[in-house]
Amino acid sequence: MTNTAHLLTVSAGRAPRIVVCDDQGAPITDVPLSSTCHSNHVDRNLRVTGWRRSAEWAITKDGWLAPVVPS
């Protein structure tokens, strides 16, 4: 089972957020981020919710994507 974290940076009228999804694409965790959140804080916010990246972030059309595992 591969879980993924989506760092959504492009969203009409919404603050950036991290959405962790299961291998079927269903959201497990949805964490709003401060609009002033720096990239080095994203991993910390991910760890606080019980997840850590298992590979580097990849660029997507609406932000970034990385595989994650429970921390």
PDB file of N, CA and C in Angstrom:
ATOM      1  N   MET A   1       0.845  -1.177   0.000  1.00  0.00           N
ATOM      2  CA  MET A   1       0.000   0.000   0.000  1.00  0.00           C
ATOM      3  C   MET A   1       0.889   1.238   0.000  1.00  0.00           C
ATOM      4  N   THR A   2       0.679   2.135  -0.955  1.00  0.00           N
ATOM      5  CA  THR A   2       1.449   3.365  -1.046  1.00  0.00           C
ATOM      6  C   THR A   2       0.559   4.547  -0.719  1.00  0.00           C
ATOM      7  N   ASN A   3       0.900   5.227   0.353  1.00  0.00           N
ATOM      8  CA  ASN A   3       0.205   6.460   0.700  1.00  0.00           C
ATOM      9  C   ASN A   3       0.980   7.618   0.098  1.00  0.00           C
ATOM     10  N   THR A   4       0.280   8.669  -0.264  1.00  0.00           N
ATOM     11  CA  THR A   4       0.932   9.830  -0.853  1.00  0.00           C
ATOM     12  C   THR A   4       0.506  11.097  -0.137  1.00  0.00           C
ATOM     13  N   ALA A   5       1.428  12.040  -0.063  1.00  0.00           N
ATOM     14  CA  ALA A   5       1.129  13.360   0.480  1.00  0.00           C
ATOM     15  C   ALA A   5       1.082  14.330  -0.683  1.00  0.00           C
ATOM     16  N   HIS A   6       0.042  15.104  -0.740  1.00  0.00           N
ATOM     17  CA  HIS A   6      -0.128  16.116  -1.775  1.00  0.00           C
ATOM     18  C   HIS A   6      -0.028  17.477  -1.100  1.00  0.00           C
ATOM     19  N   LEU A   7       0.977  18.239  -1.456  1.00  0.00           N
ATOM     20  CA  LEU A   7       1.091  19.608  -0.984  1.00  0.00           C
ATOM     21  C   LEU A   7       0.402  20.462  -2.033  1.00  0.00           C
ATOM     22  N   LEU A   8      -0.800  20.891  -1.718  1.00  0.00           N
ATOM     23  CA  LEU A   8      -1.597  21.663  -2.671  1.00  0.00           C
ATOM     24  C   LEU A   8      -1.312  23.144  -2.478  1.00  0.00           C
ATOM     25  N   THR A   9      -0.727  23.750  -3.496  1.00  0.00           N
ATOM     26  CA  THR A   9      -0.381  25.168  -3.418  1.00  0.00           C
ATOM     27  C   THR A   9      -1.288  26.025  -4.272  1.00  0.00           C
ATOM     28  N   VAL A  10      -1.977  25.425  -5.231  1.00  0.00           N
ATOM     29  CA  VAL A  10      -2.862  26.158  -6.131  1.00  0.00           C
ATOM     30  C   VAL A  10      -4.287  25.729  -5.834  1.00  0.00           C
ATOM     31  N   SER A  11      -5.032  26.622  -5.207  1.00  0.00           N
ATOM     32  CA  SER A  11      -6.413  26.309  -4.859  1.00  0.00           C
ATOM     33  C   SER A  11      -7.177  27.616  -4.761  1.00  0.00           C
ATOM     34  N   ALA A  12      -8.225  27.747  -5.516  1.00  0.00           N
ATOM     35  CA  ALA A  12      -8.997  28.988  -5.570  1.00  0.00           C
ATOM     36  C   ALA A  12      -9.491  29.387  -4.186  1.00  0.00           C
ATOM     37  N   GLY A  13      -8.942  30.463  -3.668  1.00  0.00           N
ATOM     38  CA  GLY A  13      -9.398  31.015  -2.410  1.00  0.00           C
ATOM     39  C   GLY A  13      -9.083  30.204  -1.169  1.00  0.00           C
ATOM     40  N   ARG A  14      -8.237  29.196  -1.274  1.00  0.00           N
ATOM     41  CA  ARG A  14      -7.905  28.375  -0.111  1.00  0.00           C
ATOM     42  C   ARG A  14      -6.424  28.485   0.202  1.00  0.00           C
ATOM     43  N   ALA A  15      -6.118  28.352   1.478  1.00  0.00           N
ATOM     44  CA  ALA A  15      -4.724  28.351   1.915  1.00  0.00           C
ATOM     45  C   ALA A  15      -4.059  27.055   1.455  1.00  0.00           C
ATOM     46  N   PRO A  16      -2.733  27.048   1.359  1.00  0.00           N
ATOM     47  CA  PRO A  16      -2.034  25.803   1.023  1.00  0.00           C
ATOM     48  C   PRO A  16      -2.395  24.721   2.038  1.00  0.00           C
ATOM     49  N   ARG A  17      -2.308  23.457   1.629  1.00  0.00           N
ATOM     50  CA  ARG A  17      -2.668  22.357   2.517  1.00  0.00           C
ATOM     51  C   ARG A  17      -1.911  21.099   2.135  1.00  0.00           C
ATOM     52  N   ILE A  18      -1.821  20.199   3.092  1.00  0.00           N
ATOM     53  CA  ILE A  18      -1.268  18.872   2.844  1.00  0.00           C
ATOM     54  C   ILE A  18      -2.424  17.888   2.952  1.00  0.00           C
ATOM     55  N   VAL A  19      -2.606  17.080   1.925  1.00  0.00           N
ATOM     56  CA  VAL A  19      -3.621  16.030   1.945  1.00  0.00           C
ATOM     57  C   VAL A  19      -2.894  14.700   1.766  1.00  0.00           C
ATOM     58  N   VAL A  20      -3.015  13.821   2.759  1.00  0.00           N
ATOM     59  CA  VAL A  20      -2.443  12.481   2.657  1.00  0.00           C
ATOM     60  C   VAL A  20      -3.551  11.551   2.181  1.00  0.00           C
ATOM     61  N   CYS A  21      -3.245  10.779   1.132  1.00  0.00           N
ATOM     62  CA  CYS A  21      -4.228   9.859   0.543  1.00  0.00           C
ATOM     63  C   CYS A  21      -3.719   8.424   0.611  1.00  0.00           C
ATOM     64  N   ASP A  22      -4.666   7.482   0.684  1.00  0.00           N
ATOM     65  CA  ASP A  22      -4.289   6.071   0.660  1.00  0.00           C
ATOM     66  C   ASP A  22      -4.030   5.625  -0.777  1.00  0.00           C
ATOM     67  N   ASP A  23      -3.740   4.340  -0.962  1.00  0.00           N
ATOM     68  CA  ASP A  23      -3.392   3.837  -2.295  1.00  0.00           C
ATOM     69  C   ASP A  23      -4.555   3.883  -3.281  1.00  0.00           C
ATOM     70  N   GLN A  24      -5.771   4.094  -2.799  1.00  0.00           N
ATOM     71  CA  GLN A  24      -6.940   4.228  -3.673  1.00  0.00           C
ATOM     72  C   GLN A  24      -7.256   5.692  -3.980  1.00  0.00           C
ATOM     73  N   GLY A  25      -6.492   6.617  -3.378  1.00  0.00           N
ATOM     74  CA  GLY A  25      -6.713   8.040  -3.604  1.00  0.00           C
ATOM     75  C   GLY A  25      -7.677   8.690  -2.635  1.00  0.00           C
ATOM     76  N   ALA A  26      -8.149   7.935  -1.639  1.00  0.00           N
ATOM     77  CA  ALA A  26      -9.070   8.493  -0.645  1.00  0.00           C
ATOM     78  C   ALA A  26      -8.287   9.289   0.397  1.00  0.00           C
ATOM     79  N   PRO A  27      -8.736  10.504   0.722  1.00  0.00           N
ATOM     80  CA  PRO A  27      -8.044  11.315   1.725  1.00  0.00           C
ATOM     81  C   PRO A  27      -8.060  10.650   3.103  1.00  0.00           C
ATOM     82  N   ILE A  28      -6.907  10.676   3.765  1.00  0.00           N
ATOM     83  CA  ILE A  28      -6.764  10.164   5.128  1.00  0.00           C
ATOM     84  C   ILE A  28      -6.603  11.339   6.086  1.00  0.00           C
ATOM     85  N   THR A  29      -5.788  12.302   5.688  1.00  0.00           N
ATOM     86  CA  THR A  29      -5.477  13.468   6.505  1.00  0.00           C
ATOM     87  C   THR A  29      -5.513  14.704   5.623  1.00  0.00           C
ATOM     88  N   ASP A  30      -6.072  15.790   6.155  1.00  0.00           N
ATOM     89  CA  ASP A  30      -6.133  17.058   5.423  1.00  0.00           C
ATOM     90  C   ASP A  30      -5.717  18.155   6.392  1.00  0.00           C
ATOM     91  N   VAL A  31      -4.552  18.750   6.154  1.00  0.00           N
ATOM     92  CA  VAL A  31      -3.989  19.733   7.074  1.00  0.00           C
ATOM     93  C   VAL A  31      -3.823  21.074   6.377  1.00  0.00           C
ATOM     94  N   PRO A  32      -4.598  22.090   6.782  1.00  0.00           N
ATOM     95  CA  PRO A  32      -4.387  23.419   6.212  1.00  0.00           C
ATOM     96  C   PRO A  32      -3.064  23.994   6.716  1.00  0.00           C
ATOM     97  N   LEU A  33      -2.389  24.729   5.856  1.00  0.00           N
ATOM     98  CA  LEU A  33      -1.126  25.371   6.207  1.00  0.00           C
ATOM     99  C   LEU A  33      -1.297  26.880   6.177  1.00  0.00           C
ATOM    100  N   SER A  34      -0.463  27.553   6.894  1.00  0.00           N
ATOM    101  CA  SER A  34      -0.441  29.008   6.850  1.00  0.00           C
ATOM    102  C   SER A  34      -0.041  29.454   5.451  1.00  0.00           C
ATOM    103  N   SER A  35      -0.609  30.541   4.987  1.00  0.00           N
ATOM    104  CA  SER A  35      -0.250  31.037   3.652  1.00  0.00           C
ATOM    105  C   SER A  35       1.202  31.487   3.602  1.00  0.00           C
ATOM    106  N   THR A  36       1.823  31.674   4.769  1.00  0.00           N
ATOM    107  CA  THR A  36       3.227  32.075   4.826  1.00  0.00           C
ATOM    108  C   THR A  36       4.135  30.897   5.157  1.00  0.00           C
ATOM    109  N   CYS A  37       3.605  29.687   5.093  1.00  0.00           N
ATOM    110  CA  CYS A  37       4.378  28.486   5.408  1.00  0.00           C
ATOM    111  C   CYS A  37       5.517  28.317   4.401  1.00  0.00           C
ATOM    112  N   HIS A  38       6.729  28.146   4.905  1.00  0.00           N
ATOM    113  CA  HIS A  38       7.893  27.934   4.047  1.00  0.00           C
ATOM    114  C   HIS A  38       8.058  26.450   3.754  1.00  0.00           C
ATOM    115  N   SER A  39       8.728  26.144   2.671  1.00  0.00           N
ATOM    116  CA  SER A  39       8.891  24.751   2.255  1.00  0.00           C
ATOM    117  C   SER A  39       9.573  23.899   3.320  1.00  0.00           C
ATOM    118  N   ASN A  40      10.477  24.482   4.107  1.00  0.00           N
ATOM    119  CA  ASN A  40      11.151  23.690   5.131  1.00  0.00           C
ATOM    120  C   ASN A  40      10.225  23.355   6.298  1.00  0.00           C
ATOM    121  N   HIS A  41       9.068  23.994   6.392  1.00  0.00           N
ATOM    122  CA  HIS A  41       8.097  23.679   7.441  1.00  0.00           C
ATOM    123  C   HIS A  41       7.132  22.575   7.020  1.00  0.00           C
ATOM    124  N   VAL A  42       7.061  22.284   5.746  1.00  0.00           N
ATOM    125  CA  VAL A  42       6.099  21.300   5.250  1.00  0.00           C
ATOM    126  C   VAL A  42       6.387  19.921   5.829  1.00  0.00           C
ATOM    127  N   ASP A  43       7.638  19.491   5.821  1.00  0.00           N
ATOM    128  CA  ASP A  43       7.974  18.178   6.373  1.00  0.00           C
ATOM    129  C   ASP A  43       7.666  18.118   7.866  1.00  0.00           C
ATOM    130  N   ARG A  44       7.906  19.202   8.574  1.00  0.00           N
ATOM    131  CA  ARG A  44       7.595  19.238  10.007  1.00  0.00           C
ATOM    132  C   ARG A  44       6.090  19.095  10.221  1.00  0.00           C
ATOM    133  N   ASN A  45       5.285  19.808   9.428  1.00  0.00           N
ATOM    134  CA  ASN A  45       3.830  19.686   9.535  1.00  0.00           C
ATOM    135  C   ASN A  45       3.377  18.272   9.203  1.00  0.00           C
ATOM    136  N   LEU A  46       4.023  17.645   8.254  1.00  0.00           N
ATOM    137  CA  LEU A  46       3.698  16.272   7.884  1.00  0.00           C
ATOM    138  C   LEU A  46       4.001  15.323   9.049  1.00  0.00           C
ATOM    139  N   ARG A  47       5.161  15.505   9.687  1.00  0.00           N
ATOM    140  CA  ARG A  47       5.532  14.653  10.826  1.00  0.00           C
ATOM    141  C   ARG A  47       4.567  14.817  11.995  1.00  0.00           C
ATOM    142  N   VAL A  48       4.111  16.033  12.235  1.00  0.00           N
ATOM    143  CA  VAL A  48       3.167  16.288  13.329  1.00  0.00           C
ATOM    144  C   VAL A  48       1.881  15.489  13.143  1.00  0.00           C
ATOM    145  N   THR A  49       1.493  15.258  11.900  1.00  0.00           N
ATOM    146  CA  THR A  49       0.268  14.499  11.628  1.00  0.00           C
ATOM    147  C   THR A  49       0.515  12.991  11.576  1.00  0.00           C
ATOM    148  N   GLY A  50       1.766  12.565  11.847  1.00  0.00           N
ATOM    149  CA  GLY A  50       2.056  11.134  11.914  1.00  0.00           C
ATOM    150  C   GLY A  50       2.599  10.515  10.643  1.00  0.00           C
ATOM    151  N   TRP A  51       3.103  11.343   9.712  1.00  0.00           N
ATOM    152  CA  TRP A  51       3.612  10.839   8.440  1.00  0.00           C
ATOM    153  C   TRP A  51       5.007  11.395   8.185  1.00  0.00           C
ATOM    154  N   ARG A  52       5.775  10.674   7.371  1.00  0.00           N
ATOM    155  CA  ARG A  52       7.066  11.196   6.902  1.00  0.00           C
ATOM    156  C   ARG A  52       7.261  10.767   5.458  1.00  0.00           C
ATOM    157  N   ARG A  53       7.955  11.611   4.708  1.00  0.00           N
ATOM    158  CA  ARG A  53       8.217  11.303   3.295  1.00  0.00           C
ATOM    159  C   ARG A  53       9.165  10.124   3.185  1.00  0.00           C
ATOM    160  N   SER A  54       8.939   9.281   2.174  1.00  0.00           N
ATOM    161  CA  SER A  54       9.864   8.180   1.905  1.00  0.00           C
ATOM    162  C   SER A  54      10.655   8.433   0.623  1.00  0.00           C
ATOM    163  N   ALA A  55      10.413   9.559  -0.032  1.00  0.00           N
ATOM    164  CA  ALA A  55      11.140   9.966  -1.241  1.00  0.00           C
ATOM    165  C   ALA A  55      10.970  11.476  -1.405  1.00  0.00           C
ATOM    166  N   GLU A  56      11.653  12.016  -2.397  1.00  0.00           N
ATOM    167  CA  GLU A  56      11.597  13.457  -2.650  1.00  0.00           C
ATOM    168  C   GLU A  56      10.234  13.887  -3.193  1.00  0.00           C
ATOM    169  N   TRP A  57       9.946  15.179  -3.040  1.00  0.00           N
ATOM    170  CA  TRP A  57       8.736  15.770  -3.608  1.00  0.00           C
ATOM    171  C   TRP A  57       8.876  15.828  -5.125  1.00  0.00           C
ATOM    172  N   ALA A  58       7.788  15.592  -5.833  1.00  0.00           N
ATOM    173  CA  ALA A  58       7.733  15.733  -7.293  1.00  0.00           C
ATOM    174  C   ALA A  58       6.724  16.831  -7.619  1.00  0.00           C
ATOM    175  N   ILE A  59       7.004  17.607  -8.643  1.00  0.00           N
ATOM    176  CA  ILE A  59       6.120  18.706  -9.041  1.00  0.00           C
ATOM    177  C   ILE A  59       4.873  18.150  -9.724  1.00  0.00           C
ATOM    178  N   THR A  60       3.719  18.716  -9.371  1.00  0.00           N
ATOM    179  CA  THR A  60       2.454  18.393 -10.035  1.00  0.00           C
ATOM    180  C   THR A  60       1.827  19.702 -10.508  1.00  0.00           C
ATOM    181  N   LYS A  61       0.719  19.621 -11.230  1.00  0.00           N
ATOM    182  CA  LYS A  61       0.099  20.846 -11.748  1.00  0.00           C
ATOM    183  C   LYS A  61      -0.497  21.721 -10.649  1.00  0.00           C
ATOM    184  N   ASP A  62      -0.803  21.130  -9.489  1.00  0.00           N
ATOM    185  CA  ASP A  62      -1.401  21.921  -8.414  1.00  0.00           C
ATOM    186  C   ASP A  62      -0.544  21.990  -7.158  1.00  0.00           C
ATOM    187  N   GLY A  63       0.715  21.561  -7.259  1.00  0.00           N
ATOM    188  CA  GLY A  63       1.607  21.635  -6.105  1.00  0.00           C
ATOM    189  C   GLY A  63       2.709  20.598  -6.174  1.00  0.00           C
ATOM    190  N   TRP A  64       2.782  19.764  -5.153  1.00  0.00           N
ATOM    191  CA  TRP A  64       3.846  18.778  -5.024  1.00  0.00           C
ATOM    192  C   TRP A  64       3.260  17.461  -4.528  1.00  0.00           C
ATOM    193  N   LEU A  65       3.967  16.354  -4.782  1.00  0.00           N
ATOM    194  CA  LEU A  65       3.503  15.021  -4.405  1.00  0.00           C
ATOM    195  C   LEU A  65       4.695  14.199  -3.934  1.00  0.00           C
ATOM    196  N   ALA A  66       4.508  13.423  -2.857  1.00  0.00           N
ATOM    197  CA  ALA A  66       5.567  12.537  -2.373  1.00  0.00           C
ATOM    198  C   ALA A  66       4.941  11.319  -1.709  1.00  0.00           C
ATOM    199  N   PRO A  67       5.587  10.156  -1.849  1.00  0.00           N
ATOM    200  CA  PRO A  67       5.121   8.988  -1.107  1.00  0.00           C
ATOM    201  C   PRO A  67       5.441   9.184   0.379  1.00  0.00           C
ATOM    202  N   VAL A  68       4.565   8.687   1.242  1.00  0.00           N
ATOM    203  CA  VAL A  68       4.766   8.830   2.683  1.00  0.00           C
ATOM    204  C   VAL A  68       4.516   7.505   3.386  1.00  0.00           C
ATOM    205  N   VAL A  69       5.100   7.390   4.582  1.00  0.00           N
ATOM    206  CA  VAL A  69       4.888   6.234   5.449  1.00  0.00           C
ATOM    207  C   VAL A  69       4.567   6.763   6.843  1.00  0.00           C
ATOM    208  N   PRO A  70       3.882   5.954   7.654  1.00  0.00           N
ATOM    209  CA  PRO A  70       3.618   6.402   9.027  1.00  0.00           C
ATOM    210  C   PRO A  70       4.935   6.652   9.755  1.00  0.00           C
ATOM    211  N   SER A  71       4.960   7.691  10.581  1.00  0.00           N
ATOM    212  CA  SER A  71       6.203   7.984  11.317  1.00  0.00           C
ATOM    213  C   SER A  71       6.192   7.343  12.685  1.00  0.00           C
TER     214      SER A  71
END
